[in-house]
Amino acid sequence: MKILVRWLLLAAALLLVAYLYPGVTVKSFGSAMIAAFVLGLFNTLLRPILVVLTLPVTVVTLGLFLFVINALIFYFAASVLDGLHVAGFVAALIGSLLYSLCGMVIDVAMERMFSR
């Protein structure tokens, strides 16, 4: 139940990002649900590999390169999906930052809601 609610909220967060920032567009809520699933899949499978491969650059930049990794994953997900479009790398960077902030708020809210 918790995973399903989180997935729906992350899809809504993706629609919110598309509403707030014109560089990111989402066709429909169904497209947002698929995009949220693919982003979660990429973050689970690809992100750890990229973090390990780029560890020296991440250490030199004091962790700021992790923003680039997040933007690359966001951009890659948009290139794979038809319902999600990102205008460019800067749009992917801003979109991934907004989506991550929404995800953090959702995680905190879910923790408080389901801890009772």
C-alpha atoms as a PDB file:
ATOM      1  CA  MET A   1       0.000   0.000   0.000  1.00  0.00           C
ATOM      2  CA  LYS A   2       2.790   2.390   0.937  1.00  0.00           C
ATOM      3  CA  ILE A   3       4.633   1.777  -2.331  1.00  0.00           C
ATOM      4  CA  LEU A   4       1.504   2.396  -4.397  1.00  0.00           C
ATOM      5  CA  VAL A   5       0.728   5.667  -2.605  1.00  0.00           C
ATOM      6  CA  ARG A   6       4.342   6.810  -3.001  1.00  0.00           C
ATOM      7  CA  TRP A   7       4.261   5.963  -6.707  1.00  0.00           C
ATOM      8  CA  LEU A   8       1.062   7.970  -7.239  1.00  0.00           C
ATOM      9  CA  LEU A   9       2.461  10.919  -5.285  1.00  0.00           C
ATOM     10  CA  LEU A  10       5.715  10.869  -7.271  1.00  0.00           C
ATOM     11  CA  ALA A  11       3.712  10.845 -10.505  1.00  0.00           C
ATOM     12  CA  ALA A  12       1.792  13.871  -9.225  1.00  0.00           C
ATOM     13  CA  ALA A  13       5.131  15.478  -8.298  1.00  0.00           C
ATOM     14  CA  LEU A  14       6.319  14.969 -11.860  1.00  0.00           C
ATOM     15  CA  LEU A  15       3.206  16.753 -13.097  1.00  0.00           C
ATOM     16  CA  LEU A  16       3.942  19.542 -10.619  1.00  0.00           C
ATOM     17  CA  VAL A  17       7.490  19.865 -11.976  1.00  0.00           C
ATOM     18  CA  ALA A  18       6.095  20.077 -15.505  1.00  0.00           C
ATOM     19  CA  TYR A  19       3.632  22.745 -14.356  1.00  0.00           C
ATOM     20  CA  LEU A  20       6.257  24.819 -12.520  1.00  0.00           C
ATOM     21  CA  TYR A  21       9.083  24.577 -15.062  1.00  0.00           C
ATOM     22  CA  PRO A  22       8.397  24.942 -18.792  1.00  0.00           C
ATOM     23  CA  GLY A  23      11.508  22.942 -19.795  1.00  0.00           C
ATOM     24  CA  VAL A  24       9.833  19.723 -18.660  1.00  0.00           C
ATOM     25  CA  THR A  25       6.583  18.526 -20.228  1.00  0.00           C
ATOM     26  CA  VAL A  26       4.428  15.524 -19.368  1.00  0.00           C
ATOM     27  CA  LYS A  27       1.556  14.461 -21.629  1.00  0.00           C
ATOM     28  CA  SER A  28      -0.820  12.951 -19.067  1.00  0.00           C
ATOM     29  CA  PHE A  29      -1.087  11.433 -15.608  1.00  0.00           C
ATOM     30  CA  GLY A  30      -0.617   7.971 -17.117  1.00  0.00           C
ATOM     31  CA  SER A  31       2.600   9.150 -18.739  1.00  0.00           C
ATOM     32  CA  ALA A  32       3.660  10.615 -15.400  1.00  0.00           C
ATOM     33  CA  MET A  33       3.020   7.280 -13.680  1.00  0.00           C
ATOM     34  CA  ILE A  34       5.133   5.437 -16.240  1.00  0.00           C
ATOM     35  CA  ALA A  35       7.846   8.105 -16.002  1.00  0.00           C
ATOM     36  CA  ALA A  36       7.870   7.925 -12.185  1.00  0.00           C
ATOM     37  CA  PHE A  37       8.249   4.139 -12.420  1.00  0.00           C
ATOM     38  CA  VAL A  38      11.094   4.388 -14.951  1.00  0.00           C
ATOM     39  CA  LEU A  39      12.845   7.096 -12.920  1.00  0.00           C
ATOM     40  CA  GLY A  40      12.610   4.920  -9.826  1.00  0.00           C
ATOM     41  CA  LEU A  41      13.954   1.958 -11.763  1.00  0.00           C
ATOM     42  CA  PHE A  42      16.868   3.971 -13.161  1.00  0.00           C
ATOM     43  CA  ASN A  43      17.642   5.426  -9.720  1.00  0.00           C
ATOM     44  CA  THR A  44      17.670   1.930  -8.258  1.00  0.00           C
ATOM     45  CA  LEU A  45      19.719   0.230 -10.975  1.00  0.00           C
ATOM     46  CA  LEU A  46      21.838   2.822 -12.810  1.00  0.00           C
ATOM     47  CA  ARG A  47      22.535   5.483 -10.191  1.00  0.00           C
ATOM     48  CA  PRO A  48      24.719   3.306  -7.903  1.00  0.00           C
ATOM     49  CA  ILE A  49      26.820   2.206 -10.875  1.00  0.00           C
ATOM     50  CA  LEU A  50      27.277   5.790 -12.053  1.00  0.00           C
ATOM     51  CA  VAL A  51      28.137   6.964  -8.547  1.00  0.00           C
ATOM     52  CA  VAL A  52      30.854   4.329  -8.209  1.00  0.00           C
ATOM     53  CA  LEU A  53      32.262   4.997 -11.685  1.00  0.00           C
ATOM     54  CA  THR A  54      32.428   8.748 -11.114  1.00  0.00           C
ATOM     55  CA  LEU A  55      33.605   8.610  -7.508  1.00  0.00           C
ATOM     56  CA  PRO A  56      36.893  10.501  -8.111  1.00  0.00           C
ATOM     57  CA  VAL A  57      35.073  13.357  -9.844  1.00  0.00           C
ATOM     58  CA  THR A  58      32.453  13.397  -7.099  1.00  0.00           C
ATOM     59  CA  VAL A  59      35.116  13.612  -4.405  1.00  0.00           C
ATOM     60  CA  VAL A  60      36.978  16.422  -6.213  1.00  0.00           C
ATOM     61  CA  THR A  61      33.765  18.424  -6.661  1.00  0.00           C
ATOM     62  CA  LEU A  62      32.739  17.779  -3.042  1.00  0.00           C
ATOM     63  CA  GLY A  63      29.629  15.878  -4.106  1.00  0.00           C
ATOM     64  CA  LEU A  64      28.300  18.426  -6.582  1.00  0.00           C
ATOM     65  CA  PHE A  65      28.744  15.953  -9.441  1.00  0.00           C
ATOM     66  CA  LEU A  66      25.840  13.973  -7.972  1.00  0.00           C
ATOM     67  CA  PHE A  67      23.558  16.709  -9.335  1.00  0.00           C
ATOM     68  CA  VAL A  68      24.946  15.966 -12.798  1.00  0.00           C
ATOM     69  CA  ILE A  69      24.282  12.248 -12.317  1.00  0.00           C
ATOM     70  CA  ASN A  70      20.680  12.992 -11.288  1.00  0.00           C
ATOM     71  CA  ALA A  71      20.241  15.234 -14.331  1.00  0.00           C
ATOM     72  CA  LEU A  72      21.674  12.558 -16.640  1.00  0.00           C
ATOM     73  CA  ILE A  73      19.256   9.968 -15.266  1.00  0.00           C
ATOM     74  CA  PHE A  74      16.340  12.407 -15.661  1.00  0.00           C
ATOM     75  CA  TYR A  75      17.427  13.228 -19.226  1.00  0.00           C
ATOM     76  CA  PHE A  76      17.928   9.556 -20.085  1.00  0.00           C
ATOM     77  CA  ALA A  77      14.468   8.676 -18.776  1.00  0.00           C
ATOM     78  CA  ALA A  78      12.975  11.466 -20.900  1.00  0.00           C
ATOM     79  CA  SER A  79      14.786  10.185 -23.970  1.00  0.00           C
ATOM     80  CA  VAL A  80      13.445   6.659 -23.427  1.00  0.00           C
ATOM     81  CA  LEU A  81       9.829   7.673 -22.753  1.00  0.00           C
ATOM     82  CA  ASP A  82       7.360   9.251 -25.156  1.00  0.00           C
ATOM     83  CA  GLY A  83       5.209  10.992 -22.535  1.00  0.00           C
ATOM     84  CA  LEU A  84       8.071  12.872 -20.848  1.00  0.00           C
ATOM     85  CA  HIS A  85      10.042  15.553 -22.666  1.00  0.00           C
ATOM     86  CA  VAL A  86      12.987  17.579 -21.365  1.00  0.00           C
ATOM     87  CA  ALA A  87      14.222  20.569 -23.385  1.00  0.00           C
ATOM     88  CA  GLY A  88      17.931  20.087 -22.656  1.00  0.00           C
ATOM     89  CA  PHE A  89      20.539  19.338 -20.029  1.00  0.00           C
ATOM     90  CA  VAL A  90      19.860  22.509 -18.025  1.00  0.00           C
ATOM     91  CA  ALA A  91      16.156  21.676 -18.054  1.00  0.00           C
ATOM     92  CA  ALA A  92      17.007  18.151 -16.883  1.00  0.00           C
ATOM     93  CA  LEU A  93      19.149  19.591 -14.078  1.00  0.00           C
ATOM     94  CA  ILE A  94      16.431  21.954 -12.865  1.00  0.00           C
ATOM     95  CA  GLY A  95      13.719  19.330 -13.359  1.00  0.00           C
ATOM     96  CA  SER A  96      15.671  16.705 -11.423  1.00  0.00           C
ATOM     97  CA  LEU A  97      16.284  19.177  -8.583  1.00  0.00           C
ATOM     98  CA  LEU A  98      12.582  20.025  -8.342  1.00  0.00           C
ATOM     99  CA  TYR A  99      11.604  16.350  -8.594  1.00  0.00           C
ATOM    100  CA  SER A 100      14.116  15.421  -5.875  1.00  0.00           C
ATOM    101  CA  LEU A 101      12.785  18.139  -3.577  1.00  0.00           C
ATOM    102  CA  CYS A 102       9.238  16.893  -4.126  1.00  0.00           C
ATOM    103  CA  GLY A 103      10.439  13.345  -3.458  1.00  0.00           C
ATOM    104  CA  MET A 104      12.008  14.386  -0.161  1.00  0.00           C
ATOM    105  CA  VAL A 105       8.784  16.101   0.940  1.00  0.00           C
ATOM    106  CA  ILE A 106       6.796  13.018  -0.071  1.00  0.00           C
ATOM    107  CA  ASP A 107       9.148  10.718   1.858  1.00  0.00           C
ATOM    108  CA  VAL A 108       8.860  12.812   5.015  1.00  0.00           C
ATOM    109  CA  ALA A 109       5.073  12.971   4.706  1.00  0.00           C
ATOM    110  CA  MET A 110       4.836   9.231   4.062  1.00  0.00           C
ATOM    111  CA  GLU A 111       7.014   8.475   7.068  1.00  0.00           C
ATOM    112  CA  ARG A 112       4.811  10.579   9.327  1.00  0.00           C
ATOM    113  CA  MET A 113       1.601   9.214   7.847  1.00  0.00           C
ATOM    114  CA  PHE A 114       2.511   5.518   8.001  1.00  0.00           C
ATOM    115  CA  SER A 115       4.405   5.596  11.315  1.00  0.00           C
ATOM    116  CA  ARG A 116       1.160   5.724  13.302  1.00  0.00           C
END
